[in-house]
């Protein structure tokens, strides 16, 4: 991957659970969409991706920065930010208190952040612990999945499997089905 500003080879870096590629000349960093979930709030990521896809569908860019990965031109968008993790327009979504300009390659799902832009995205909030009702629902699903797995395995033991088991137990029967089989096998 190369910096879209100076074309220098980006350096892969690890910070806690967030991996990114940083320009050695200080121009910014690239992160994949999936990796961004380790660093930013989900509602901003959802909005960022929706805006990028809509811009891309409208028209593939003819000006702008090249993707660090594939060299296609990235779409430039501005994402609104707020303190909550509620998706835009949903009940509980707070008013935007800031915005972050970014460049996005929709093909590679790579986001380019100029210096200090990543820090403008609110940090990911910890997910709440599941309630007792949610844990019970997950246990029910796991139990049902397990029961269905056992039932599917039992159903798989059909005619062919039973026939093969019987043929294995009876060399004479195997010889009847396959005349070239040895009778003493």
Protein backbone atom coordinates (compact mmCIF):
# COMPACT_ATOMS: atom_id res chain seq x y z
CA UNK A 1 0.00 0.00 0.00
CA UNK A 2 1.21 3.50 -0.86
CA UNK A 3 0.42 6.94 0.54
CA UNK A 4 -2.05 8.74 -1.75
CA UNK A 5 -0.18 12.01 -1.11
CA UNK A 6 3.52 11.14 -1.51
CA UNK A 7 3.33 7.52 -2.84
CA UNK A 8 5.68 6.27 -0.07
CA UNK A 9 5.12 2.69 1.06
CA UNK A 10 2.76 2.67 4.03
CA UNK A 11 3.89 0.90 7.19
CA UNK A 12 1.56 -1.55 8.93
CA UNK A 13 1.14 -0.63 12.58
CA UNK A 14 -0.67 -2.26 15.48
CA UNK A 15 -2.19 -0.19 18.27
CA UNK A 16 -4.09 -2.36 20.76
CA UNK A 17 -6.61 -4.16 18.54
CA UNK A 18 -6.55 -1.53 15.75
CA UNK A 19 -4.31 -2.15 12.73
CA UNK A 20 -3.62 0.57 10.20
CA UNK A 21 -1.10 1.57 7.54
CA UNK A 22 0.73 4.82 8.31
CA UNK A 23 2.58 7.13 5.92
CA UNK A 24 6.24 7.32 7.02
CA UNK A 25 6.23 10.99 5.93
CA UNK A 26 3.35 11.89 8.24
CA UNK A 27 0.56 12.43 5.68
CA UNK A 28 -1.99 10.18 7.38
CA UNK A 29 -3.13 6.60 7.62
CA UNK A 30 -5.27 4.00 5.89
CA UNK A 31 -7.61 1.54 7.60
CA UNK A 32 -10.02 -1.05 6.32
CA UNK A 33 -13.72 -0.69 6.99
CA UNK A 34 -13.74 -3.81 9.15
CA UNK A 35 -10.73 -2.63 11.17
CA UNK A 36 -12.43 0.70 11.82
CA UNK A 37 -14.96 -1.13 14.02
CA UNK A 38 -12.10 -1.59 16.52
CA UNK A 39 -11.66 2.17 16.85
CA UNK A 40 -14.81 4.16 15.96
CA UNK A 41 -18.49 4.19 16.84
CA UNK A 42 -20.75 2.03 14.73
CA UNK A 43 -23.16 4.81 13.73
CA UNK A 44 -20.38 6.90 12.19
CA UNK A 45 -19.02 3.84 10.38
CA UNK A 46 -22.49 3.00 9.02
CA UNK A 47 -22.98 6.60 7.87
CA UNK A 48 -19.48 6.74 6.35
CA UNK A 49 -20.08 3.57 4.36
CA UNK A 50 -23.58 4.58 3.23
CA UNK A 51 -22.32 7.98 2.02
CA UNK A 52 -19.33 6.43 0.24
CA UNK A 53 -21.45 3.81 -1.55
CA UNK A 54 -24.05 6.41 -2.57
CA UNK A 55 -21.32 8.69 -3.95
CA UNK A 56 -19.74 5.79 -5.81
CA UNK A 57 -23.04 4.63 -7.32
CA UNK A 58 -23.85 8.18 -8.39
CA UNK A 59 -20.58 8.42 -10.34
CA UNK A 60 -17.16 6.87 -10.06
CA UNK A 61 -14.77 9.72 -9.15
CA UNK A 62 -12.76 11.37 -11.90
CA UNK A 63 -10.70 13.56 -9.56
CA UNK A 64 -9.25 12.99 -6.12
CA UNK A 65 -6.77 10.76 -4.40
CA UNK A 66 -5.77 7.30 -5.52
CA UNK A 67 -6.60 4.37 -3.25
CA UNK A 68 -3.51 3.22 -1.33
CA UNK A 69 -4.34 -0.34 -2.34
CA UNK A 70 -5.72 -0.45 -5.91
CA UNK A 71 -4.91 3.02 -7.32
CA UNK A 72 -8.59 3.74 -8.21
CA UNK A 73 -9.75 7.21 -7.29
CA UNK A 74 -11.44 7.36 -3.90
CA UNK A 75 -14.67 9.21 -3.12
CA UNK A 76 -14.35 12.18 -0.78
CA UNK A 77 -17.11 12.46 1.80
CA UNK A 78 -17.78 14.22 5.08
CA UNK A 79 -19.22 12.22 7.98
CA UNK A 80 -21.19 13.84 10.79
CA UNK A 81 -20.23 12.81 14.32
CA UNK A 82 -22.08 12.66 17.62
CA UNK A 83 -21.57 11.14 21.06
CA UNK A 84 -24.03 8.25 20.74
CA UNK A 85 -23.93 4.99 18.79
CA UNK A 86 -27.49 5.28 17.48
CA UNK A 87 -27.73 5.20 13.68
CA UNK A 88 -28.70 8.42 11.92
CA UNK A 89 -32.39 9.24 12.07
CA UNK A 90 -33.24 6.57 14.67
CA UNK A 91 -34.83 7.28 18.02
CA UNK A 92 -32.10 8.31 20.45
CA UNK A 93 -29.77 9.69 17.80
CA UNK A 94 -28.25 12.93 19.03
CA UNK A 95 -27.49 15.98 16.95
CA UNK A 96 -24.21 16.00 15.05
CA UNK A 97 -21.56 17.92 16.95
CA UNK A 98 -18.77 17.66 14.39
CA UNK A 99 -17.73 16.29 11.05
CA UNK A 100 -14.83 14.38 9.57
CA UNK A 101 -13.72 14.55 5.92
CA UNK A 102 -12.38 11.22 4.61
CA UNK A 103 -11.51 9.52 1.35
CA UNK A 104 -12.96 6.06 0.76
CA UNK A 105 -12.24 3.32 -1.76
CA UNK A 106 -15.54 1.47 -2.08
CA UNK A 107 -13.91 -1.38 -4.01
CA UNK A 108 -11.28 -2.23 -1.37
CA UNK A 109 -13.22 -0.85 1.61
CA UNK A 110 -10.22 1.29 2.56
CA UNK A 111 -10.56 4.65 4.31
CA UNK A 112 -7.82 7.28 4.16
CA UNK A 113 -7.49 9.68 7.08
CA UNK A 114 -5.31 12.76 6.80
CA UNK A 115 -3.32 13.68 9.90
CA UNK A 116 -5.58 13.94 13.00
CA UNK A 117 -8.81 13.08 11.11
CA UNK A 118 -9.14 9.66 12.75
CA UNK A 119 -9.09 11.32 16.17
CA UNK A 120 -12.15 13.37 15.14
CA UNK A 121 -14.24 10.18 15.02
CA UNK A 122 -15.71 9.39 18.44
CA UNK A 123 -14.14 6.35 20.06
CA UNK A 124 -16.12 3.12 20.11
CA UNK A 125 -18.25 2.78 23.23
CA UNK A 126 -18.17 -0.51 25.12
CA UNK A 127 -21.08 -2.78 24.30
CA UNK A 128 -23.52 -3.26 27.19
CA UNK A 129 -23.62 -6.62 28.93
CA UNK A 130 -26.49 -8.83 27.77
CA UNK A 131 -29.57 -8.97 29.96
CA UNK A 132 -30.73 -12.23 31.53
CA UNK A 133 -33.49 -12.41 28.91
CA UNK A 134 -30.96 -11.98 26.08
CA UNK A 135 -28.68 -14.66 27.55
CA UNK A 136 -31.67 -17.02 27.87
CA UNK A 137 -32.61 -16.37 24.23
CA UNK A 138 -29.05 -17.16 23.10
CA UNK A 139 -29.09 -20.38 25.16
CA UNK A 140 -32.41 -21.37 23.53
CA UNK A 141 -30.95 -20.76 20.08
CA UNK A 142 -27.85 -22.81 20.92
CA UNK A 143 -30.00 -25.63 22.29
CA UNK A 144 -32.24 -25.57 19.19
CA UNK A 145 -29.23 -25.46 16.88
CA UNK A 146 -27.72 -28.44 18.70
CA UNK A 147 -30.99 -30.41 18.50
CA UNK A 148 -31.29 -29.65 14.78
CA UNK A 149 -27.69 -30.73 14.21
CA UNK A 150 -28.33 -34.08 15.90
CA UNK A 151 -31.56 -34.52 13.89
CA UNK A 152 -29.78 -33.69 10.62
CA UNK A 153 -27.05 -36.20 11.40
CA UNK A 154 -29.66 -38.89 12.16
CA UNK A 155 -31.54 -38.10 8.94
CA UNK A 156 -28.31 -38.42 6.99
CA UNK A 157 -28.12 -42.11 7.98
CA UNK A 158 -30.43 -43.15 5.19
CA UNK A 159 -30.78 -46.10 2.88
CA UNK A 160 -27.30 -45.84 1.36
CA UNK A 161 -25.56 -45.73 4.71
CA UNK A 162 -27.57 -48.67 6.03
CA UNK A 163 -26.85 -50.65 2.84
CA UNK A 164 -23.11 -49.98 3.09
CA UNK A 165 -23.10 -51.09 6.73
CA UNK A 166 -24.84 -54.37 5.82
CA UNK A 167 -22.54 -54.97 2.85
CA UNK A 168 -19.55 -54.46 5.10
CA UNK A 169 -20.88 -57.08 7.52
CA UNK A 170 -21.62 -59.61 4.78
CA UNK A 171 -18.87 -60.42 2.26
CA UNK A 172 -21.31 -62.62 0.34
CA UNK A 173 -23.73 -59.69 -0.06
CA UNK A 174 -20.86 -57.49 -1.18
CA UNK A 175 -19.96 -60.11 -3.78
CA UNK A 176 -23.53 -60.11 -5.05
CA UNK A 177 -23.47 -56.35 -5.54
CA UNK A 178 -19.94 -56.32 -6.94
CA UNK A 179 -18.99 -59.62 -8.63
CA UNK A 180 -15.29 -58.66 -8.71
CA UNK A 181 -15.19 -58.36 -4.90
CA UNK A 182 -13.44 -61.18 -3.13
CA UNK A 183 -15.78 -63.47 -1.24
CA UNK A 184 -13.37 -63.66 1.72
CA UNK A 185 -12.97 -59.88 2.00
